[in-house]
Amino acid sequence: MTTLIEFRGVGKTFGGVTALDGVDLSIEAGEIYAVIGHSGAGKSTLVRLMNALERATSGNVLVDGTDITNLPERRLRQVRLGIGMVFQQFNLLRSRTVFGNVAYPLKVAGWTKADREKRVTELLNFVGITDRAWHYPDQLSGGQKQRVGIARALATNPKILLADESTSALDPETTGEVLRLLQRVNQEFGVTIVVITHEMEVVREIADRVAVLQDGRVIEHGPVREVFAAPREQTTKRFVETVLRARPEPGDLERIRQRHPGRLVTARISDDRRIGAVLSEAQSRYDVRFEVVHGGVKELGSTSFGSLTLELVGEDASVDKLIADLRAATDVEELA
């Protein structure tokens, strides 16, 4: 595949504050790449470096083969024509209609009136908001505003779409609709999408690969299915658990213990067959009875992932042997 965006040892400081520190990453053409991290991790700085709204203090940023790190502003304007951006707070022009908002970047780029009208009509139809063409932003719902934002970002046929916390201001149902629209943008137009988010559910829903940012550094990255199935870093594990709700909360655990006095373990599911083979012999081989008391399994493409909290009932030595064999198959935590 062709590398479309590449960071080589990129650092960024503001005064004495380090926002990014030695970041290396590459984003391939045609993929949906997610960058996740808590507030202050450096996500917004990272995305602003991709279209040179900020300049790297050290290292190099390459976009479509061009090193934009020290590119003159005149040349940068040309690069930015190939990059669309969708914002958390929509950033629509309140004084312009939906049609006018989508047409604005085309007018700036020097398109003729006829070509602008044709392109805007196509885009409003694509995002499903043709019936709101002459409404103003204040007359739209959050989801409708974001659809306008996506249409505007696509106006000049960019190769890259940067979505900076683009669903954070939306309710769960509307978030799902916007994420499905972004998937269509990627699949039908071949646009490479970079999603900046603090929500692991967004990553699970649409991303091909993910980088986890902490204190300005990339601490983990890879295909989403691999990161979800076997996160290495504690920060990543906590993000994944927000989707899986892997470990019972203290209040839940107390209620579970009242009903299930046996030994409790939480097992990570990354391959149902391995853990399933061990549990299928719990009674016959280990003389241990088990019951699932918390958790669940989700699908990500062809991969199953999740966690199960199990009550294990039997002699301590037999339970110990079962736990040891489970640990040989997956990550297991015994709950104190």
C-alpha atoms as a PDB file:
ATOM      1  CA  MET A   1       0.000   0.000   0.000  1.00  0.00           C
ATOM      2  CA  THR A   2       1.005   3.648  -0.482  1.00  0.00           C
ATOM      3  CA  THR A   3       1.916   5.675   2.608  1.00  0.00           C
ATOM      4  CA  LEU A   4      -0.108   8.890   2.497  1.00  0.00           C
ATOM      5  CA  ILE A   5       0.839  10.506   5.825  1.00  0.00           C
ATOM      6  CA  GLU A   6       4.096   9.865   7.649  1.00  0.00           C
ATOM      7  CA  PHE A   7       5.535  11.227  10.901  1.00  0.00           C
ATOM      8  CA  ARG A   8       9.267  10.746  11.401  1.00  0.00           C
ATOM      9  CA  GLY A   9      10.466  11.516  14.922  1.00  0.00           C
ATOM     10  CA  VAL A  10       8.065  14.436  15.214  1.00  0.00           C
ATOM     11  CA  GLY A  11       8.200  16.671  18.255  1.00  0.00           C
ATOM     12  CA  LYS A  12       6.183  19.771  19.066  1.00  0.00           C
ATOM     13  CA  THR A  13       6.667  22.160  21.953  1.00  0.00           C
ATOM     14  CA  PHE A  14       4.729  25.241  22.997  1.00  0.00           C
ATOM     15  CA  GLY A  15       7.033  27.379  25.094  1.00  0.00           C
ATOM     16  CA  GLY A  16       8.368  24.936  27.668  1.00  0.00           C
ATOM     17  CA  VAL A  17       5.521  22.445  27.251  1.00  0.00           C
ATOM     18  CA  THR A  18       6.046  19.307  25.166  1.00  0.00           C
ATOM     19  CA  ALA A  19       2.887  18.374  23.253  1.00  0.00           C
ATOM     20  CA  LEU A  20       4.431  15.665  21.048  1.00  0.00           C
ATOM     21  CA  ASP A  21       7.655  13.768  21.671  1.00  0.00           C
ATOM     22  CA  GLY A  22       9.354  11.680  18.979  1.00  0.00           C
ATOM     23  CA  VAL A  23       6.206  10.500  17.192  1.00  0.00           C
ATOM     24  CA  ASP A  24       6.632   7.931  14.419  1.00  0.00           C
ATOM     25  CA  LEU A  25       3.578   6.739  12.509  1.00  0.00           C
ATOM     26  CA  SER A  26       2.456   6.048   8.965  1.00  0.00           C
ATOM     27  CA  ILE A  27      -1.045   6.132   7.521  1.00  0.00           C
ATOM     28  CA  GLU A  28      -1.775   4.200   4.356  1.00  0.00           C
ATOM     29  CA  ALA A  29      -3.887   5.415   1.448  1.00  0.00           C
ATOM     30  CA  GLY A  30      -7.478   4.220   1.640  1.00  0.00           C
ATOM     31  CA  GLU A  31      -7.597   3.252   5.306  1.00  0.00           C
ATOM     32  CA  ILE A  32      -9.442   4.636   8.310  1.00  0.00           C
ATOM     33  CA  TYR A  33      -6.805   5.354  10.923  1.00  0.00           C
ATOM     34  CA  ALA A  34      -7.755   6.276  14.487  1.00  0.00           C
ATOM     35  CA  VAL A  35      -5.686   8.184  17.023  1.00  0.00           C
ATOM     36  CA  ILE A  36      -6.987   7.802  20.562  1.00  0.00           C
ATOM     37  CA  GLY A  37      -5.888   9.320  23.833  1.00  0.00           C
ATOM     38  CA  HIS A  38      -7.114  11.131  26.897  1.00  0.00           C
ATOM     39  CA  SER A  39      -7.439  14.907  27.045  1.00  0.00           C
ATOM     40  CA  GLY A  40      -3.976  16.454  26.898  1.00  0.00           C
ATOM     41  CA  ALA A  41      -2.374  13.446  25.207  1.00  0.00           C
ATOM     42  CA  GLY A  42      -1.500  15.512  22.116  1.00  0.00           C
ATOM     43  CA  LYS A  43      -4.218  14.354  19.713  1.00  0.00           C
ATOM     44  CA  SER A  44      -5.313  17.771  18.495  1.00  0.00           C
ATOM     45  CA  THR A  45      -1.716  18.902  18.038  1.00  0.00           C
ATOM     46  CA  LEU A  46      -1.051  15.770  15.998  1.00  0.00           C
ATOM     47  CA  VAL A  47      -3.949  16.410  13.630  1.00  0.00           C
ATOM     48  CA  ARG A  48      -3.038  20.095  13.220  1.00  0.00           C
ATOM     49  CA  LEU A  49       0.434  19.059  12.110  1.00  0.00           C
ATOM     50  CA  MET A  50      -1.103  16.951   9.337  1.00  0.00           C
ATOM     51  CA  ASN A  51      -2.375  20.032   7.515  1.00  0.00           C
ATOM     52  CA  ALA A  52       0.362  22.349   8.840  1.00  0.00           C
ATOM     53  CA  LEU A  53      -1.941  24.494  10.957  1.00  0.00           C
ATOM     54  CA  GLU A  54       0.932  23.911  13.385  1.00  0.00           C
ATOM     55  CA  ARG A  55       4.587  23.356  12.449  1.00  0.00           C
ATOM     56  CA  ALA A  56       6.693  20.571  13.935  1.00  0.00           C
ATOM     57  CA  THR A  57       9.467  21.681  16.279  1.00  0.00           C
ATOM     58  CA  SER A  58      11.538  18.641  15.302  1.00  0.00           C
ATOM     59  CA  GLY A  59      11.283  15.726  12.893  1.00  0.00           C
ATOM     60  CA  ASN A  60       9.417  15.608   9.594  1.00  0.00           C
ATOM     61  CA  VAL A  61       5.787  15.401   8.495  1.00  0.00           C
ATOM     62  CA  LEU A  62       5.175  14.044   4.986  1.00  0.00           C
ATOM     63  CA  VAL A  63       1.816  14.248   3.209  1.00  0.00           C
ATOM     64  CA  ASP A  64       1.416  12.371  -0.067  1.00  0.00           C
ATOM     65  CA  GLY A  65       5.198  12.268  -0.459  1.00  0.00           C
ATOM     66  CA  THR A  66       5.719  15.982   0.239  1.00  0.00           C
ATOM     67  CA  ASP A  67       7.618  17.077   3.337  1.00  0.00           C
ATOM     68  CA  ILE A  68       5.398  19.868   4.665  1.00  0.00           C
ATOM     69  CA  THR A  69       7.482  20.581   7.771  1.00  0.00           C
ATOM     70  CA  ASN A  70       9.070  23.763   6.449  1.00  0.00           C
ATOM     71  CA  LEU A  71       7.035  24.295   3.305  1.00  0.00           C
ATOM     72  CA  PRO A  72       6.277  27.957   2.440  1.00  0.00           C
ATOM     73  CA  GLU A  73       2.700  29.069   3.065  1.00  0.00           C
ATOM     74  CA  ARG A  74       2.074  29.480  -0.673  1.00  0.00           C
ATOM     75  CA  ARG A  75       2.904  25.799  -1.266  1.00  0.00           C
ATOM     76  CA  LEU A  76       0.982  24.724   1.834  1.00  0.00           C
ATOM     77  CA  ARG A  77      -2.245  26.177   0.476  1.00  0.00           C
ATOM     78  CA  GLN A  78      -1.987  23.759  -2.440  1.00  0.00           C
ATOM     79  CA  VAL A  79      -1.384  20.801  -0.100  1.00  0.00           C
ATOM     80  CA  ARG A  80      -4.363  21.772   2.047  1.00  0.00           C
ATOM     81  CA  LEU A  81      -6.692  21.589  -0.962  1.00  0.00           C
ATOM     82  CA  GLY A  82      -6.218  17.825  -0.742  1.00  0.00           C
ATOM     83  CA  ILE A  83      -7.141  17.694   2.948  1.00  0.00           C
ATOM     84  CA  GLY A  84     -10.664  18.105   4.331  1.00  0.00           C
ATOM     85  CA  MET A  85     -11.434  18.609   8.003  1.00  0.00           C
ATOM     86  CA  VAL A  86     -14.468  17.861  10.168  1.00  0.00           C
ATOM     87  CA  PHE A  87     -14.694  19.483  13.600  1.00  0.00           C
ATOM     88  CA  GLN A  88     -16.276  18.625  16.943  1.00  0.00           C
ATOM     89  CA  GLN A  89     -18.271  21.870  17.089  1.00  0.00           C
ATOM     90  CA  PHE A  90     -19.104  21.822  13.348  1.00  0.00           C
ATOM     91  CA  ASN A  91     -17.649  25.324  12.657  1.00  0.00           C
ATOM     92  CA  LEU A  92     -20.373  26.204  10.164  1.00  0.00           C
ATOM     93  CA  LEU A  93     -20.889  29.781   9.020  1.00  0.00           C
ATOM     94  CA  ARG A  94     -24.112  30.863  10.730  1.00  0.00           C
ATOM     95  CA  SER A  95     -24.812  33.580   8.157  1.00  0.00           C
ATOM     96  CA  ARG A  96     -24.786  31.103   5.252  1.00  0.00           C
ATOM     97  CA  THR A  97     -27.314  28.448   4.330  1.00  0.00           C
ATOM     98  CA  VAL A  98     -26.428  24.770   4.160  1.00  0.00           C
ATOM     99  CA  PHE A  99     -25.896  25.200   0.417  1.00  0.00           C
ATOM    100  CA  GLY A 100     -23.749  28.269   1.015  1.00  0.00           C
ATOM    101  CA  ASN A 101     -21.595  26.532   3.627  1.00  0.00           C
ATOM    102  CA  VAL A 102     -20.779  23.630   1.308  1.00  0.00           C
ATOM    103  CA  ALA A 103     -20.203  25.978  -1.637  1.00  0.00           C
ATOM    104  CA  TYR A 104     -17.867  28.291   0.288  1.00  0.00           C
ATOM    105  CA  PRO A 105     -14.573  26.327  -0.121  1.00  0.00           C
ATOM    106  CA  LEU A 106     -15.366  25.895  -3.823  1.00  0.00           C
ATOM    107  CA  LYS A 107     -15.825  29.636  -4.209  1.00  0.00           C
ATOM    108  CA  VAL A 108     -12.484  30.236  -2.453  1.00  0.00           C
ATOM    109  CA  ALA A 109     -10.868  27.668  -4.783  1.00  0.00           C
ATOM    110  CA  GLY A 110     -12.173  29.574  -7.827  1.00  0.00           C
ATOM    111  CA  TRP A 111     -14.813  27.131  -9.121  1.00  0.00           C
ATOM    112  CA  THR A 112     -17.400  28.567 -11.520  1.00  0.00           C
ATOM    113  CA  LYS A 113     -20.943  29.091 -10.264  1.00  0.00           C
ATOM    114  CA  ALA A 114     -22.292  26.269 -12.437  1.00  0.00           C
ATOM    115  CA  ASP A 115     -19.636  23.817 -11.237  1.00  0.00           C
ATOM    116  CA  ARG A 116     -20.215  24.864  -7.620  1.00  0.00           C
ATOM    117  CA  GLU A 117     -23.953  24.258  -7.882  1.00  0.00           C
ATOM    118  CA  LYS A 118     -23.441  20.844  -9.461  1.00  0.00           C
ATOM    119  CA  ARG A 119     -20.891  19.740  -6.845  1.00  0.00           C
ATOM    120  CA  VAL A 120     -22.915  20.998  -3.865  1.00  0.00           C
ATOM    121  CA  THR A 121     -26.049  19.260  -5.138  1.00  0.00           C
ATOM    122  CA  GLU A 122     -24.121  15.984  -5.463  1.00  0.00           C
ATOM    123  CA  LEU A 123     -22.710  16.255  -1.959  1.00  0.00           C
ATOM    124  CA  LEU A 124     -25.961  17.218  -0.245  1.00  0.00           C
ATOM    125  CA  ASN A 125     -27.576  14.223  -1.881  1.00  0.00           C
ATOM    126  CA  PHE A 126     -24.712  11.975  -0.750  1.00  0.00           C
ATOM    127  CA  VAL A 127     -24.962  13.026   2.904  1.00  0.00           C
ATOM    128  CA  GLY A 128     -28.773  12.907   2.822  1.00  0.00           C
ATOM    129  CA  ILE A 129     -29.569  16.527   3.584  1.00  0.00           C
ATOM    130  CA  THR A 130     -30.882  17.903   0.275  1.00  0.00           C
ATOM    131  CA  ASP A 131     -34.158  18.916   1.919  1.00  0.00           C
ATOM    132  CA  ARG A 132     -32.241  21.265   4.253  1.00  0.00           C
ATOM    133  CA  ALA A 133     -30.271  23.038   1.498  1.00  0.00           C
ATOM    134  CA  TRP A 134     -31.751  26.477   2.230  1.00  0.00           C
ATOM    135  CA  HIS A 135     -31.862  26.171   6.000  1.00  0.00           C
ATOM    136  CA  TYR A 136     -29.372  27.960   8.231  1.00  0.00           C
ATOM    137  CA  PRO A 137     -27.157  26.123  10.772  1.00  0.00           C
ATOM    138  CA  ASP A 138     -29.243  27.292  13.738  1.00  0.00           C
ATOM    139  CA  GLN A 139     -32.218  25.441  12.221  1.00  0.00           C
ATOM    140  CA  LEU A 140     -30.388  22.091  12.155  1.00  0.00           C
ATOM    141  CA  SER A 141     -29.877  19.286  14.657  1.00  0.00           C
ATOM    142  CA  GLY A 142     -26.363  18.281  15.698  1.00  0.00           C
ATOM    143  CA  GLY A 143     -26.335  15.314  13.364  1.00  0.00           C
ATOM    144  CA  GLN A 144     -27.516  17.450  10.437  1.00  0.00           C
ATOM    145  CA  LYS A 145     -24.811  20.031  11.154  1.00  0.00           C
ATOM    146  CA  GLN A 146     -22.168  17.328  11.090  1.00  0.00           C
ATOM    147  CA  ARG A 147     -23.484  16.025   7.775  1.00  0.00           C
ATOM    148  CA  VAL A 148     -23.090  19.533   6.383  1.00  0.00           C
ATOM    149  CA  GLY A 149     -19.593  19.622   7.846  1.00  0.00           C
ATOM    150  CA  ILE A 150     -18.696  16.370   6.105  1.00  0.00           C
ATOM    151  CA  ALA A 151     -20.148  17.587   2.786  1.00  0.00           C
ATOM    152  CA  ARG A 152     -18.162  20.821   3.067  1.00  0.00           C
ATOM    153  CA  ALA A 153     -14.967  18.908   3.893  1.00  0.00           C
ATOM    154  CA  LEU A 154     -15.445  16.783   0.751  1.00  0.00           C
ATOM    155  CA  ALA A 155     -16.197  19.725  -1.557  1.00  0.00           C
ATOM    156  CA  THR A 156     -12.780  19.987  -3.202  1.00  0.00           C
ATOM    157  CA  ASN A 157     -12.354  16.197  -3.659  1.00  0.00           C
ATOM    158  CA  PRO A 158      -9.683  15.736  -0.981  1.00  0.00           C
ATOM    159  CA  LYS A 159      -7.616  12.580  -0.668  1.00  0.00           C
ATOM    160  CA  ILE A 160      -7.542  12.941   3.123  1.00  0.00           C
ATOM    161  CA  LEU A 161     -10.293  13.685   5.631  1.00  0.00           C
ATOM    162  CA  LEU A 162      -9.325  14.641   9.186  1.00  0.00           C
ATOM    163  CA  ALA A 163     -12.130  14.080  11.712  1.00  0.00           C
ATOM    164  CA  ASP A 164     -11.210  15.725  15.018  1.00  0.00           C
ATOM    165  CA  GLU A 165     -13.593  14.469  17.741  1.00  0.00           C
ATOM    166  CA  SER A 166     -16.317  14.678  15.098  1.00  0.00           C
ATOM    167  CA  THR A 167     -18.889  12.704  17.122  1.00  0.00           C
ATOM    168  CA  SER A 168     -18.127  13.943  20.646  1.00  0.00           C
ATOM    169  CA  ALA A 169     -21.013  16.428  20.664  1.00  0.00           C
ATOM    170  CA  LEU A 170     -23.574  13.893  19.383  1.00  0.00           C
ATOM    171  CA  ASP A 171     -25.896  11.409  21.066  1.00  0.00           C
ATOM    172  CA  PRO A 172     -25.188   7.663  20.572  1.00  0.00           C
ATOM    173  CA  GLU A 173     -27.760   7.126  17.806  1.00  0.00           C
ATOM    174  CA  THR A 174     -26.580  10.144  15.809  1.00  0.00           C
ATOM    175  CA  THR A 175     -22.964   9.121  16.404  1.00  0.00           C
ATOM    176  CA  GLY A 176     -23.700   5.783  14.729  1.00  0.00           C
ATOM    177  CA  GLU A 177     -25.250   7.534  11.724  1.00  0.00           C
ATOM    178  CA  VAL A 178     -22.242   9.842  11.304  1.00  0.00           C
ATOM    179  CA  LEU A 179     -19.768   6.958  11.629  1.00  0.00           C
ATOM    180  CA  ARG A 180     -21.633   4.982   8.961  1.00  0.00           C
ATOM    181  CA  LEU A 181     -21.497   8.063   6.714  1.00  0.00           C
ATOM    182  CA  LEU A 182     -17.733   8.311   7.215  1.00  0.00           C
ATOM    183  CA  GLN A 183     -17.425   4.639   6.272  1.00  0.00           C
ATOM    184  CA  ARG A 184     -19.310   5.362   3.049  1.00  0.00           C
ATOM    185  CA  VAL A 185     -16.954   8.279   2.318  1.00  0.00           C
ATOM    186  CA  ASN A 186     -14.027   5.908   2.729  1.00  0.00           C
ATOM    187  CA  GLN A 187     -15.503   3.032   0.728  1.00  0.00           C
ATOM    188  CA  GLU A 188     -17.211   4.913  -2.122  1.00  0.00           C
ATOM    189  CA  PHE A 189     -14.753   7.775  -2.634  1.00  0.00           C
ATOM    190  CA  GLY A 190     -11.556   6.053  -1.468  1.00  0.00           C
ATOM    191  CA  VAL A 191     -10.824   8.929   0.915  1.00  0.00           C
ATOM    192  CA  THR A 192      -8.250   8.210   3.626  1.00  0.00           C
ATOM    193  CA  ILE A 193      -9.767   9.158   6.984  1.00  0.00           C
ATOM    194  CA  VAL A 194      -7.897  10.029  10.173  1.00  0.00           C
ATOM    195  CA  VAL A 195     -10.199   9.903  13.206  1.00  0.00           C
ATOM    196  CA  ILE A 196      -9.093  11.704  16.368  1.00  0.00           C
ATOM    197  CA  THR A 197     -11.098  10.506  19.363  1.00  0.00           C
ATOM    198  CA  HIS A 198     -11.140   9.644  23.049  1.00  0.00           C
ATOM    199  CA  GLU A 199     -13.890   7.041  22.539  1.00  0.00           C
ATOM    200  CA  MET A 200     -12.770   3.456  21.958  1.00  0.00           C
ATOM    201  CA  GLU A 201     -16.248   2.544  20.676  1.00  0.00           C
ATOM    202  CA  VAL A 202     -15.638   4.883  17.721  1.00  0.00           C
ATOM    203  CA  VAL A 203     -12.370   3.061  17.027  1.00  0.00           C
ATOM    204  CA  ARG A 204     -14.088  -0.334  17.181  1.00  0.00           C
ATOM    205  CA  GLU A 205     -16.884   0.807  14.902  1.00  0.00           C
ATOM    206  CA  ILE A 206     -14.956   2.088  11.886  1.00  0.00           C
ATOM    207  CA  ALA A 207     -11.145   2.077  12.165  1.00  0.00           C
ATOM    208  CA  ASP A 208      -8.735  -0.269  10.402  1.00  0.00           C
ATOM    209  CA  ARG A 209      -5.725   0.663  12.534  1.00  0.00           C
ATOM    210  CA  VAL A 210      -5.230   2.658  15.714  1.00  0.00           C
ATOM    211  CA  ALA A 211      -2.471   4.539  17.532  1.00  0.00           C
ATOM    212  CA  VAL A 212      -2.733   5.160  21.277  1.00  0.00           C
ATOM    213  CA  LEU A 213      -1.284   8.485  22.390  1.00  0.00           C
ATOM    214  CA  GLN A 214      -0.152   9.245  25.933  1.00  0.00           C
ATOM    215  CA  ASP A 215       1.801  12.309  27.083  1.00  0.00           C
ATOM    216  CA  GLY A 216       2.716  13.129  23.494  1.00  0.00           C
ATOM    217  CA  ARG A 217       4.070   9.670  22.661  1.00  0.00           C
ATOM    218  CA  VAL A 218       2.629   6.780  20.653  1.00  0.00           C
ATOM    219  CA  ILE A 219       2.621   3.979  23.227  1.00  0.00           C
ATOM    220  CA  GLU A 220       0.862   1.337  21.133  1.00  0.00           C
ATOM    221  CA  HIS A 221      -0.348   0.958  17.561  1.00  0.00           C
ATOM    222  CA  GLY A 222      -1.519  -1.688  15.137  1.00  0.00           C
ATOM    223  CA  PRO A 223      -4.600  -3.222  13.510  1.00  0.00           C
ATOM    224  CA  VAL A 224      -7.681  -2.569  15.633  1.00  0.00           C
ATOM    225  CA  ARG A 225      -8.515  -6.272  15.982  1.00  0.00           C
ATOM    226  CA  GLU A 226      -5.035  -6.984  17.411  1.00  0.00           C
ATOM    227  CA  VAL A 227      -5.055  -4.036  19.803  1.00  0.00           C
ATOM    228  CA  PHE A 228      -8.515  -4.966  21.087  1.00  0.00           C
ATOM    229  CA  ALA A 229      -7.700  -8.650  21.413  1.00  0.00           C
ATOM    230  CA  ALA A 230      -4.371  -8.207  23.212  1.00  0.00           C
ATOM    231  CA  PRO A 231      -3.668  -4.651  24.428  1.00  0.00           C
ATOM    232  CA  ARG A 232      -0.168  -4.351  25.904  1.00  0.00           C
ATOM    233  CA  GLU A 233      -0.162  -1.002  27.710  1.00  0.00           C
ATOM    234  CA  GLN A 234      -2.276  -0.176  30.765  1.00  0.00           C
ATOM    235  CA  THR A 235      -3.718   2.932  29.091  1.00  0.00           C
ATOM    236  CA  THR A 236      -4.798   0.842  26.101  1.00  0.00           C
ATOM    237  CA  LYS A 237      -6.293  -1.811  28.364  1.00  0.00           C
ATOM    238  CA  ARG A 238      -8.374   0.838  30.116  1.00  0.00           C
ATOM    239  CA  PHE A 239      -9.618   2.190  26.785  1.00  0.00           C
ATOM    240  CA  VAL A 240     -10.559  -1.309  25.605  1.00  0.00           C
ATOM    241  CA  GLU A 241     -12.368  -1.978  28.863  1.00  0.00           C
ATOM    242  CA  THR A 242     -14.619   1.047  28.246  1.00  0.00           C
ATOM    243  CA  VAL A 243     -16.038  -0.927  25.324  1.00  0.00           C
ATOM    244  CA  LEU A 244     -15.990  -4.370  26.902  1.00  0.00           C
ATOM    245  CA  ARG A 245     -16.813  -3.358  30.480  1.00  0.00           C
ATOM    246  CA  ALA A 246     -14.422  -6.176  31.187  1.00  0.00           C
ATOM    247  CA  ARG A 247     -14.075  -6.118  34.944  1.00  0.00           C
ATOM    248  CA  PRO A 248     -17.111  -5.751  37.212  1.00  0.00           C
ATOM    249  CA  GLU A 249     -17.327  -2.389  38.948  1.00  0.00           C
ATOM    250  CA  PRO A 250     -17.009  -2.523  42.769  1.00  0.00           C
ATOM    251  CA  GLY A 251     -20.779  -2.246  43.251  1.00  0.00           C
ATOM    252  CA  ASP A 252     -21.434  -4.943  40.642  1.00  0.00           C
ATOM    253  CA  LEU A 253     -18.779  -7.171  42.181  1.00  0.00           C
ATOM    254  CA  GLU A 254     -20.365  -6.911  45.608  1.00  0.00           C
ATOM    255  CA  ARG A 255     -23.753  -7.974  44.202  1.00  0.00           C
ATOM    256  CA  ILE A 256     -22.161 -10.804  42.219  1.00  0.00           C
ATOM    257  CA  ARG A 257     -20.419 -12.121  45.342  1.00  0.00           C
ATOM    258  CA  GLN A 258     -23.701 -12.217  47.236  1.00  0.00           C
ATOM    259  CA  ARG A 259     -25.131 -14.599  44.621  1.00  0.00           C
ATOM    260  CA  HIS A 260     -21.933 -16.431  43.660  1.00  0.00           C
ATOM    261  CA  PRO A 261     -19.702 -17.357  46.617  1.00  0.00           C
ATOM    262  CA  GLY A 262     -17.200 -19.369  44.513  1.00  0.00           C
ATOM    263  CA  ARG A 263     -13.859 -18.067  43.252  1.00  0.00           C
ATOM    264  CA  LEU A 264     -14.215 -15.364  40.612  1.00  0.00           C
ATOM    265  CA  VAL A 265     -11.870 -14.850  37.665  1.00  0.00           C
ATOM    266  CA  THR A 266     -12.020 -12.493  34.679  1.00  0.00           C
ATOM    267  CA  ALA A 267     -10.684 -14.012  31.454  1.00  0.00           C
ATOM    268  CA  ARG A 268      -9.928 -12.031  28.291  1.00  0.00           C
ATOM    269  CA  ILE A 269     -11.419 -13.502  25.120  1.00  0.00           C
ATOM    270  CA  SER A 270      -9.314 -13.194  21.997  1.00  0.00           C
ATOM    271  CA  ASP A 271      -9.879 -16.666  20.571  1.00  0.00           C
ATOM    272  CA  ASP A 272     -13.067 -18.419  21.663  1.00  0.00           C
ATOM    273  CA  ARG A 273     -11.713 -21.809  20.657  1.00  0.00           C
ATOM    274  CA  ARG A 274      -8.728 -21.804  23.035  1.00  0.00           C
ATOM    275  CA  ILE A 275     -10.564 -20.763  26.181  1.00  0.00           C
ATOM    276  CA  GLY A 276     -13.600 -22.777  25.112  1.00  0.00           C
ATOM    277  CA  ALA A 277     -11.520 -25.943  24.876  1.00  0.00           C
ATOM    278  CA  VAL A 278     -10.362 -25.517  28.478  1.00  0.00           C
ATOM    279  CA  LEU A 279     -13.816 -24.690  29.843  1.00  0.00           C
ATOM    280  CA  SER A 280     -15.441 -27.564  27.983  1.00  0.00           C
ATOM    281  CA  GLU A 281     -13.440 -29.926  30.192  1.00  0.00           C
ATOM    282  CA  ALA A 282     -13.993 -28.037  33.449  1.00  0.00           C
ATOM    283  CA  GLN A 283     -16.291 -30.673  34.899  1.00  0.00           C
ATOM    284  CA  SER A 284     -14.837 -33.864  33.404  1.00  0.00           C
ATOM    285  CA  ARG A 285     -11.129 -33.082  33.716  1.00  0.00           C
ATOM    286  CA  TYR A 286     -10.908 -30.668  36.658  1.00  0.00           C
ATOM    287  CA  ASP A 287     -14.086 -31.495  38.588  1.00  0.00           C
ATOM    288  CA  VAL A 288     -14.887 -27.787  38.651  1.00  0.00           C
ATOM    289  CA  ARG A 289     -18.256 -26.226  37.940  1.00  0.00           C
ATOM    290  CA  PHE A 290     -18.254 -22.793  36.257  1.00  0.00           C
ATOM    291  CA  GLU A 291     -20.849 -20.108  35.528  1.00  0.00           C
ATOM    292  CA  VAL A 292     -20.528 -16.895  33.526  1.00  0.00           C
ATOM    293  CA  VAL A 293     -21.533 -14.057  35.861  1.00  0.00           C
ATOM    294  CA  HIS A 294     -20.395 -10.930  33.995  1.00  0.00           C
ATOM    295  CA  GLY A 295     -19.080  -9.703  30.652  1.00  0.00           C
ATOM    296  CA  GLY A 296     -19.608 -10.643  27.047  1.00  0.00           C
ATOM    297  CA  VAL A 297     -18.052 -11.173  23.646  1.00  0.00           C
ATOM    298  CA  LYS A 298     -18.168  -8.836  20.639  1.00  0.00           C
ATOM    299  CA  GLU A 299     -17.293  -9.347  16.996  1.00  0.00           C
ATOM    300  CA  LEU A 300     -14.736  -7.262  15.117  1.00  0.00           C
ATOM    301  CA  GLY A 301     -14.645  -8.502  11.547  1.00  0.00           C
ATOM    302  CA  SER A 302     -13.862 -12.199  11.811  1.00  0.00           C
ATOM    303  CA  THR A 303     -12.343 -11.828  15.285  1.00  0.00           C
ATOM    304  CA  SER A 304     -14.122 -12.373  18.601  1.00  0.00           C
ATOM    305  CA  PHE A 305     -12.960 -10.355  21.579  1.00  0.00           C
ATOM    306  CA  GLY A 306     -14.251  -9.550  25.003  1.00  0.00           C
ATOM    307  CA  SER A 307     -14.038 -10.781  28.577  1.00  0.00           C
ATOM    308  CA  LEU A 308     -15.942 -13.092  30.837  1.00  0.00           C
ATOM    309  CA  THR A 309     -16.078 -13.131  34.621  1.00  0.00           C
ATOM    310  CA  LEU A 310     -16.539 -16.715  35.775  1.00  0.00           C
ATOM    311  CA  GLU A 311     -17.501 -18.275  39.086  1.00  0.00           C
ATOM    312  CA  LEU A 312     -15.431 -21.415  39.637  1.00  0.00           C
ATOM    313  CA  VAL A 313     -16.706 -23.905  42.222  1.00  0.00           C
ATOM    314  CA  GLY A 314     -14.637 -26.893  43.316  1.00  0.00           C
ATOM    315  CA  GLU A 315     -11.691 -27.961  45.450  1.00  0.00           C
ATOM    316  CA  ASP A 316      -9.032 -25.233  45.671  1.00  0.00           C
ATOM    317  CA  ALA A 317      -6.353 -27.407  44.069  1.00  0.00           C
ATOM    318  CA  SER A 318      -8.665 -28.275  41.166  1.00  0.00           C
ATOM    319  CA  VAL A 319      -9.645 -24.626  40.669  1.00  0.00           C
ATOM    320  CA  ASP A 320      -5.948 -23.663  40.770  1.00  0.00           C
ATOM    321  CA  LYS A 321      -5.197 -26.163  37.990  1.00  0.00           C
ATOM    322  CA  LEU A 322      -8.080 -24.879  35.850  1.00  0.00           C
ATOM    323  CA  ILE A 323      -6.952 -21.261  36.329  1.00  0.00           C
ATOM    324  CA  ALA A 324      -3.395 -22.195  35.382  1.00  0.00           C
ATOM    325  CA  ASP A 325      -4.582 -23.802  32.144  1.00  0.00           C
ATOM    326  CA  LEU A 326      -6.825 -20.818  31.391  1.00  0.00           C
ATOM    327  CA  ARG A 327      -3.789 -18.540  31.863  1.00  0.00           C
ATOM    328  CA  ALA A 328      -1.916 -20.616  29.297  1.00  0.00           C
ATOM    329  CA  ALA A 329      -4.676 -19.760  26.818  1.00  0.00           C
ATOM    330  CA  THR A 330      -5.430 -16.101  27.685  1.00  0.00           C
ATOM    331  CA  ASP A 331      -5.048 -13.286  30.257  1.00  0.00           C
ATOM    332  CA  VAL A 332      -6.771 -14.197  33.494  1.00  0.00           C
ATOM    333  CA  GLU A 333      -7.223 -12.134  36.665  1.00  0.00           C
ATOM    334  CA  GLU A 334      -8.540 -13.657  39.857  1.00  0.00           C
ATOM    335  CA  LEU A 335     -10.739 -11.145  41.664  1.00  0.00           C
ATOM    336  CA  ALA A 336      -9.779 -10.751  45.314  1.00  0.00           C
END
